[in-house]
Amino acid sequence: MATVFSKVISGEFPGRFVWQDEVCVGFLSIAPLAYGHTLVVPRVEVDKWTEAEPELVAHLSQVAHRIGKAQVEAFGSARAGLAIAGYEVPHLHLHVWPSNSLADHDFSQVITDPEDAAMDEAAEKLRVALRLMGDAEHVPAEED
């Protein structure tokens, strides 16, 4: 049975994509810690990161690094947070979000009803920052 993330990747469910390559995608979290919070998700369904091939984990980490740098640039944050939790959806995913303090890492403080306009603006800011960093080949031209 396909996970909710596989359905987002296939287009069956909507997503605000900021990254797409042959191995993974990046799309905004629907329950963000901050606007711009992105999930980096492999196209292949694997549950736990410890069960994934090391090359896959390395690729996801590299993409998360690029997205984190773009978040710092786009949102003027002090840092980018990174976490692998995996409890919400049984499909490996890396959380990457703009962060200004350790308090920004509290997953009990997610925005439960984010504003659509703010989410769209955050996605576009990230796309622009990624393009300016030289990653245009992996950035969708518009929302998919």
N, C-alpha and C. Protein backbone atom coordinates (compact mmCIF):
# COMPACT_ATOMS: atom_id res chain seq x y z
N MET A 1 0.84 -1.18 0.00
CA MET A 1 0.00 0.00 0.00
C MET A 1 0.89 1.25 0.00
N ALA A 2 0.59 2.17 -0.89
CA ALA A 2 1.40 3.39 -1.02
C ALA A 2 1.21 4.29 0.19
N THR A 3 2.31 4.92 0.61
CA THR A 3 2.23 5.87 1.72
C THR A 3 1.66 7.19 1.22
N VAL A 4 1.27 8.04 2.16
CA VAL A 4 0.78 9.37 1.80
C VAL A 4 1.86 10.14 1.03
N PHE A 5 3.14 9.92 1.39
CA PHE A 5 4.21 10.62 0.66
C PHE A 5 4.32 10.12 -0.77
N SER A 6 4.14 8.83 -1.00
CA SER A 6 4.16 8.32 -2.37
C SER A 6 3.03 8.93 -3.18
N LYS A 7 1.90 9.17 -2.53
CA LYS A 7 0.76 9.79 -3.22
C LYS A 7 1.03 11.26 -3.53
N VAL A 8 1.78 11.94 -2.66
CA VAL A 8 2.18 13.31 -2.96
C VAL A 8 3.17 13.30 -4.13
N ILE A 9 4.14 12.40 -4.08
CA ILE A 9 5.16 12.33 -5.14
C ILE A 9 4.52 12.03 -6.49
N SER A 10 3.52 11.14 -6.51
CA SER A 10 2.87 10.75 -7.77
C SER A 10 1.90 11.80 -8.29
N GLY A 11 1.55 12.78 -7.44
CA GLY A 11 0.59 13.80 -7.84
C GLY A 11 -0.83 13.48 -7.45
N GLU A 12 -1.04 12.32 -6.84
CA GLU A 12 -2.38 11.95 -6.39
C GLU A 12 -2.86 12.89 -5.28
N PHE A 13 -1.95 13.31 -4.41
CA PHE A 13 -2.23 14.30 -3.38
C PHE A 13 -1.41 15.54 -3.70
N PRO A 14 -1.90 16.73 -3.36
CA PRO A 14 -1.15 17.96 -3.67
C PRO A 14 0.08 18.12 -2.79
N GLY A 15 1.05 18.86 -3.31
CA GLY A 15 2.26 19.17 -2.56
C GLY A 15 2.90 20.44 -3.10
N ARG A 16 3.55 21.17 -2.24
CA ARG A 16 4.29 22.37 -2.65
C ARG A 16 5.76 21.96 -2.80
N PHE A 17 6.13 21.58 -4.01
CA PHE A 17 7.46 21.06 -4.28
C PHE A 17 8.47 22.18 -4.45
N VAL A 18 9.64 21.98 -3.85
CA VAL A 18 10.75 22.91 -4.02
C VAL A 18 11.97 22.20 -4.62
N TRP A 19 11.95 20.87 -4.66
CA TRP A 19 13.08 20.09 -5.19
C TRP A 19 12.54 18.81 -5.82
N GLN A 20 13.11 18.44 -6.96
CA GLN A 20 12.80 17.16 -7.59
C GLN A 20 14.03 16.66 -8.32
N ASP A 21 14.43 15.43 -8.03
CA ASP A 21 15.46 14.77 -8.83
C ASP A 21 15.06 13.31 -8.98
N GLU A 22 15.92 12.52 -9.56
CA GLU A 22 15.56 11.13 -9.84
C GLU A 22 15.49 10.27 -8.57
N VAL A 23 16.07 10.72 -7.48
CA VAL A 23 16.13 9.94 -6.24
C VAL A 23 15.13 10.42 -5.20
N CYS A 24 14.89 11.72 -5.13
CA CYS A 24 14.05 12.26 -4.06
C CYS A 24 13.34 13.53 -4.48
N VAL A 25 12.46 13.97 -3.59
CA VAL A 25 11.76 15.24 -3.76
C VAL A 25 11.83 16.00 -2.44
N GLY A 26 11.60 17.30 -2.53
CA GLY A 26 11.44 18.13 -1.34
C GLY A 26 10.15 18.90 -1.48
N PHE A 27 9.29 18.82 -0.48
CA PHE A 27 8.05 19.58 -0.50
C PHE A 27 7.76 20.09 0.91
N LEU A 28 6.98 21.16 0.97
CA LEU A 28 6.71 21.78 2.26
C LEU A 28 5.86 20.87 3.14
N SER A 29 6.17 20.87 4.43
CA SER A 29 5.39 20.14 5.42
C SER A 29 4.04 20.83 5.59
N ILE A 30 2.98 20.04 5.75
CA ILE A 30 1.66 20.62 5.99
C ILE A 30 1.46 20.97 7.47
N ALA A 31 2.41 20.57 8.31
CA ALA A 31 2.41 20.92 9.73
C ALA A 31 3.80 21.45 10.08
N PRO A 32 4.12 22.66 9.60
CA PRO A 32 5.49 23.15 9.72
C PRO A 32 5.85 23.69 11.11
N LEU A 33 7.11 23.56 11.44
CA LEU A 33 7.66 24.23 12.62
C LEU A 33 7.81 25.72 12.34
N ALA A 34 8.05 26.05 11.08
CA ALA A 34 8.17 27.43 10.61
C ALA A 34 7.82 27.41 9.13
N TYR A 35 7.38 28.53 8.61
CA TYR A 35 7.11 28.59 7.17
C TYR A 35 8.42 28.32 6.44
N GLY A 36 8.36 27.42 5.47
CA GLY A 36 9.54 26.99 4.74
C GLY A 36 10.00 25.59 5.14
N HIS A 37 9.41 25.03 6.21
CA HIS A 37 9.74 23.68 6.68
C HIS A 37 9.51 22.70 5.53
N THR A 38 10.57 22.01 5.16
CA THR A 38 10.55 21.13 3.99
C THR A 38 10.84 19.70 4.41
N LEU A 39 10.16 18.76 3.75
CA LEU A 39 10.43 17.35 3.92
C LEU A 39 11.19 16.85 2.70
N VAL A 40 12.32 16.20 2.92
CA VAL A 40 13.10 15.60 1.85
C VAL A 40 12.79 14.11 1.89
N VAL A 41 12.18 13.61 0.81
CA VAL A 41 11.59 12.28 0.80
C VAL A 41 12.10 11.47 -0.40
N PRO A 42 12.60 10.26 -0.17
CA PRO A 42 13.01 9.45 -1.31
C PRO A 42 11.80 8.98 -2.12
N ARG A 43 12.00 8.80 -3.40
CA ARG A 43 10.92 8.29 -4.24
C ARG A 43 10.60 6.84 -3.90
N VAL A 44 11.60 6.08 -3.53
CA VAL A 44 11.40 4.69 -3.14
C VAL A 44 10.84 4.66 -1.72
N GLU A 45 9.90 3.77 -1.47
CA GLU A 45 9.34 3.64 -0.14
C GLU A 45 10.25 2.80 0.74
N VAL A 46 10.76 3.42 1.76
CA VAL A 46 11.52 2.74 2.80
C VAL A 46 11.10 3.40 4.10
N ASP A 47 10.87 2.61 5.13
CA ASP A 47 10.34 3.15 6.38
C ASP A 47 11.42 3.84 7.21
N LYS A 48 12.35 3.09 7.74
CA LYS A 48 13.34 3.61 8.68
C LYS A 48 14.63 3.98 7.97
N TRP A 49 15.23 5.09 8.39
CA TRP A 49 16.46 5.53 7.73
C TRP A 49 17.57 4.51 7.93
N THR A 50 17.50 3.76 9.00
CA THR A 50 18.53 2.74 9.26
C THR A 50 18.37 1.52 8.36
N GLU A 51 17.25 1.43 7.65
CA GLU A 51 17.03 0.34 6.70
C GLU A 51 17.35 0.76 5.27
N ALA A 52 17.61 2.02 5.06
CA ALA A 52 17.90 2.55 3.71
C ALA A 52 19.36 2.28 3.36
N GLU A 53 19.62 2.20 2.08
CA GLU A 53 21.00 2.06 1.61
C GLU A 53 21.77 3.33 2.00
N PRO A 54 23.02 3.18 2.42
CA PRO A 54 23.81 4.35 2.82
C PRO A 54 23.90 5.42 1.72
N GLU A 55 23.93 5.00 0.46
CA GLU A 55 24.00 5.97 -0.64
C GLU A 55 22.73 6.81 -0.70
N LEU A 56 21.59 6.21 -0.40
CA LEU A 56 20.33 6.95 -0.39
C LEU A 56 20.34 7.97 0.75
N VAL A 57 20.75 7.55 1.93
CA VAL A 57 20.80 8.46 3.07
C VAL A 57 21.76 9.60 2.78
N ALA A 58 22.88 9.31 2.15
CA ALA A 58 23.85 10.35 1.80
C ALA A 58 23.23 11.35 0.82
N HIS A 59 22.51 10.86 -0.18
CA HIS A 59 21.89 11.76 -1.16
C HIS A 59 20.84 12.64 -0.47
N LEU A 60 20.00 12.05 0.36
CA LEU A 60 18.99 12.83 1.07
C LEU A 60 19.64 13.91 1.92
N SER A 61 20.74 13.56 2.57
CA SER A 61 21.47 14.53 3.39
C SER A 61 22.03 15.67 2.55
N GLN A 62 22.55 15.35 1.38
CA GLN A 62 23.08 16.39 0.50
C GLN A 62 21.98 17.33 0.03
N VAL A 63 20.82 16.78 -0.30
CA VAL A 63 19.70 17.62 -0.72
C VAL A 63 19.21 18.46 0.46
N ALA A 64 19.11 17.86 1.63
CA ALA A 64 18.69 18.61 2.82
C ALA A 64 19.66 19.76 3.10
N HIS A 65 20.94 19.53 2.88
CA HIS A 65 21.96 20.56 3.07
C HIS A 65 21.70 21.74 2.13
N ARG A 66 21.43 21.45 0.86
CA ARG A 66 21.16 22.51 -0.11
C ARG A 66 19.90 23.29 0.30
N ILE A 67 18.86 22.56 0.68
CA ILE A 67 17.61 23.21 1.07
C ILE A 67 17.82 24.03 2.35
N GLY A 68 18.57 23.51 3.31
CA GLY A 68 18.86 24.25 4.53
C GLY A 68 19.59 25.56 4.25
N LYS A 69 20.59 25.51 3.35
CA LYS A 69 21.29 26.74 2.98
C LYS A 69 20.33 27.74 2.33
N ALA A 70 19.43 27.24 1.50
CA ALA A 70 18.45 28.11 0.85
C ALA A 70 17.49 28.72 1.88
N GLN A 71 17.11 27.94 2.89
CA GLN A 71 16.23 28.46 3.93
C GLN A 71 16.89 29.59 4.71
N VAL A 72 18.14 29.41 5.08
CA VAL A 72 18.87 30.47 5.79
C VAL A 72 18.88 31.74 4.96
N GLU A 73 19.14 31.59 3.67
CA GLU A 73 19.18 32.74 2.76
C GLU A 73 17.78 33.35 2.58
N ALA A 74 16.80 32.52 2.28
CA ALA A 74 15.46 33.01 1.94
C ALA A 74 14.73 33.62 3.13
N PHE A 75 14.93 33.06 4.31
CA PHE A 75 14.17 33.50 5.48
C PHE A 75 15.00 34.26 6.50
N GLY A 76 16.30 34.42 6.23
CA GLY A 76 17.16 35.16 7.13
C GLY A 76 17.30 34.51 8.49
N SER A 77 17.17 33.20 8.53
CA SER A 77 17.26 32.49 9.82
C SER A 77 18.72 32.30 10.22
N ALA A 78 18.94 32.10 11.50
CA ALA A 78 20.29 31.90 12.02
C ALA A 78 20.86 30.55 11.59
N ARG A 79 20.01 29.56 11.49
CA ARG A 79 20.41 28.20 11.15
C ARG A 79 19.26 27.50 10.43
N ALA A 80 19.55 26.28 10.00
CA ALA A 80 18.51 25.39 9.49
C ALA A 80 18.50 24.17 10.39
N GLY A 81 17.32 23.82 10.87
CA GLY A 81 17.19 22.61 11.68
C GLY A 81 17.10 21.39 10.78
N LEU A 82 17.51 20.24 11.33
CA LEU A 82 17.46 18.98 10.59
C LEU A 82 17.08 17.87 11.56
N ALA A 83 16.10 17.06 11.17
CA ALA A 83 15.70 15.93 12.01
C ALA A 83 15.18 14.80 11.13
N ILE A 84 15.42 13.59 11.60
CA ILE A 84 14.81 12.40 11.01
C ILE A 84 14.01 11.77 12.14
N ALA A 85 12.69 11.80 12.04
CA ALA A 85 11.86 11.23 13.10
C ALA A 85 11.18 9.96 12.59
N GLY A 86 10.31 10.12 11.61
CA GLY A 86 9.71 8.97 10.98
C GLY A 86 8.51 8.37 11.67
N TYR A 87 7.97 9.05 12.67
CA TYR A 87 6.81 8.50 13.36
C TYR A 87 5.49 8.88 12.71
N GLU A 88 5.46 9.99 12.01
CA GLU A 88 4.21 10.48 11.43
C GLU A 88 3.77 9.66 10.23
N VAL A 89 4.71 9.35 9.36
CA VAL A 89 4.44 8.61 8.12
C VAL A 89 5.53 7.56 7.98
N PRO A 90 5.17 6.29 7.73
CA PRO A 90 6.19 5.24 7.62
C PRO A 90 6.92 5.25 6.27
N HIS A 91 7.49 6.39 5.95
CA HIS A 91 8.22 6.59 4.71
C HIS A 91 9.35 7.55 5.07
N LEU A 92 10.57 7.10 4.98
CA LEU A 92 11.74 7.90 5.34
C LEU A 92 11.60 9.34 4.85
N HIS A 93 11.88 10.29 5.74
CA HIS A 93 11.88 11.70 5.36
C HIS A 93 12.72 12.50 6.33
N LEU A 94 13.40 13.49 5.79
CA LEU A 94 14.20 14.42 6.58
C LEU A 94 13.44 15.73 6.70
N HIS A 95 13.32 16.22 7.91
CA HIS A 95 12.72 17.52 8.16
C HIS A 95 13.84 18.56 8.10
N VAL A 96 13.62 19.64 7.36
CA VAL A 96 14.57 20.75 7.29
C VAL A 96 13.75 22.03 7.44
N TRP A 97 14.15 22.90 8.39
CA TRP A 97 13.35 24.09 8.62
C TRP A 97 14.22 25.27 9.06
N PRO A 98 13.77 26.49 8.77
CA PRO A 98 14.47 27.67 9.25
C PRO A 98 14.38 27.73 10.77
N SER A 99 15.50 28.04 11.43
CA SER A 99 15.54 28.03 12.89
C SER A 99 16.36 29.21 13.41
N ASN A 100 15.83 29.81 14.47
CA ASN A 100 16.54 30.91 15.11
C ASN A 100 16.91 30.62 16.56
N SER A 101 16.42 29.51 17.09
CA SER A 101 16.77 29.12 18.46
C SER A 101 16.42 27.65 18.67
N LEU A 102 16.90 27.09 19.76
CA LEU A 102 16.59 25.71 20.09
C LEU A 102 15.09 25.51 20.29
N ALA A 103 14.39 26.54 20.71
CA ALA A 103 12.94 26.45 20.89
C ALA A 103 12.23 26.13 19.57
N ASP A 104 12.85 26.46 18.44
CA ASP A 104 12.27 26.19 17.13
C ASP A 104 12.32 24.71 16.77
N HIS A 105 12.89 23.87 17.62
CA HIS A 105 13.02 22.45 17.35
C HIS A 105 11.98 21.61 18.09
N ASP A 106 11.00 22.23 18.66
CA ASP A 106 9.98 21.55 19.45
C ASP A 106 8.81 21.15 18.55
N PHE A 107 8.74 19.87 18.20
CA PHE A 107 7.70 19.40 17.28
C PHE A 107 6.29 19.47 17.87
N SER A 108 6.17 19.74 19.16
CA SER A 108 4.83 19.93 19.72
C SER A 108 4.31 21.34 19.40
N GLN A 109 5.15 22.17 18.78
CA GLN A 109 4.78 23.55 18.48
C GLN A 109 4.55 23.80 16.98
N VAL A 110 4.22 22.75 16.22
CA VAL A 110 4.00 22.94 14.79
C VAL A 110 2.80 23.85 14.54
N ILE A 111 2.81 24.48 13.40
CA ILE A 111 1.68 25.31 12.98
C ILE A 111 0.63 24.34 12.43
N THR A 112 -0.48 24.19 13.15
CA THR A 112 -1.46 23.17 12.78
C THR A 112 -2.39 23.59 11.65
N ASP A 113 -2.52 24.87 11.40
CA ASP A 113 -3.38 25.36 10.33
C ASP A 113 -2.68 26.48 9.58
N PRO A 114 -1.60 26.13 8.85
CA PRO A 114 -0.83 27.18 8.17
C PRO A 114 -1.65 27.87 7.08
N GLU A 115 -1.38 29.14 6.90
CA GLU A 115 -2.09 29.92 5.89
C GLU A 115 -1.60 29.55 4.49
N ASP A 116 -2.53 29.30 3.59
CA ASP A 116 -2.17 28.91 2.22
C ASP A 116 -1.28 29.94 1.55
N ALA A 117 -1.62 31.22 1.68
CA ALA A 117 -0.83 32.27 1.02
C ALA A 117 0.59 32.29 1.57
N ALA A 118 0.74 32.12 2.88
CA ALA A 118 2.08 32.11 3.48
C ALA A 118 2.86 30.87 3.05
N MET A 119 2.18 29.74 2.91
CA MET A 119 2.84 28.51 2.44
C MET A 119 3.30 28.68 1.00
N ASP A 120 2.43 29.24 0.15
CA ASP A 120 2.80 29.46 -1.25
C ASP A 120 3.99 30.41 -1.35
N GLU A 121 3.97 31.48 -0.54
CA GLU A 121 5.06 32.45 -0.55
C GLU A 121 6.37 31.79 -0.08
N ALA A 122 6.29 30.97 0.95
CA ALA A 122 7.48 30.28 1.46
C ALA A 122 8.06 29.34 0.40
N ALA A 123 7.20 28.61 -0.28
CA ALA A 123 7.67 27.70 -1.33
C ALA A 123 8.37 28.48 -2.44
N GLU A 124 7.79 29.59 -2.83
CA GLU A 124 8.41 30.37 -3.91
C GLU A 124 9.74 30.98 -3.46
N LYS A 125 9.81 31.46 -2.23
CA LYS A 125 11.07 31.99 -1.71
C LYS A 125 12.17 30.92 -1.75
N LEU A 126 11.81 29.71 -1.37
CA LEU A 126 12.80 28.62 -1.40
C LEU A 126 13.21 28.28 -2.83
N ARG A 127 12.25 28.23 -3.73
CA ARG A 127 12.58 27.94 -5.14
C ARG A 127 13.54 28.99 -5.69
N VAL A 128 13.25 30.25 -5.41
CA VAL A 128 14.11 31.33 -5.89
C VAL A 128 15.51 31.19 -5.31
N ALA A 129 15.60 30.96 -4.00
CA ALA A 129 16.92 30.83 -3.36
C ALA A 129 17.69 29.64 -3.92
N LEU A 130 17.02 28.53 -4.14
CA LEU A 130 17.70 27.35 -4.70
C LEU A 130 18.18 27.63 -6.13
N ARG A 131 17.37 28.31 -6.91
CA ARG A 131 17.81 28.65 -8.28
C ARG A 131 19.04 29.55 -8.24
N LEU A 132 19.02 30.55 -7.35
CA LEU A 132 20.15 31.47 -7.24
C LEU A 132 21.41 30.76 -6.77
N MET A 133 21.26 29.67 -6.04
CA MET A 133 22.41 28.89 -5.56
C MET A 133 22.94 27.93 -6.64
N GLY A 134 22.28 27.90 -7.80
CA GLY A 134 22.76 27.05 -8.89
C GLY A 134 22.05 25.72 -9.00
N ASP A 135 20.92 25.56 -8.33
CA ASP A 135 20.20 24.28 -8.34
C ASP A 135 18.95 24.30 -9.21
N ALA A 136 18.90 25.18 -10.19
CA ALA A 136 17.69 25.35 -11.00
C ALA A 136 17.22 24.06 -11.65
N GLU A 137 18.15 23.18 -12.01
CA GLU A 137 17.75 21.94 -12.68
C GLU A 137 16.90 21.04 -11.80
N HIS A 138 16.92 21.27 -10.48
CA HIS A 138 16.16 20.44 -9.55
C HIS A 138 14.94 21.16 -8.98
N VAL A 139 14.74 22.40 -9.38
CA VAL A 139 13.66 23.20 -8.83
C VAL A 139 12.51 23.25 -9.84
N PRO A 140 11.33 22.82 -9.42
CA PRO A 140 10.19 22.89 -10.34
C PRO A 140 9.89 24.34 -10.72
N ALA A 141 9.45 24.52 -11.95
CA ALA A 141 9.15 25.86 -12.45
C ALA A 141 7.98 26.48 -11.70
N GLU A 142 7.06 25.65 -11.28
CA GLU A 142 5.88 26.12 -10.53
C GLU A 142 5.41 24.96 -9.68
N GLU A 143 4.39 25.22 -8.88
CA GLU A 143 3.87 24.15 -8.03
C GLU A 143 3.38 23.00 -8.90
N ASP A 144 3.71 21.80 -8.47
CA ASP A 144 3.21 20.59 -9.15
C ASP A 144 2.10 19.98 -8.33
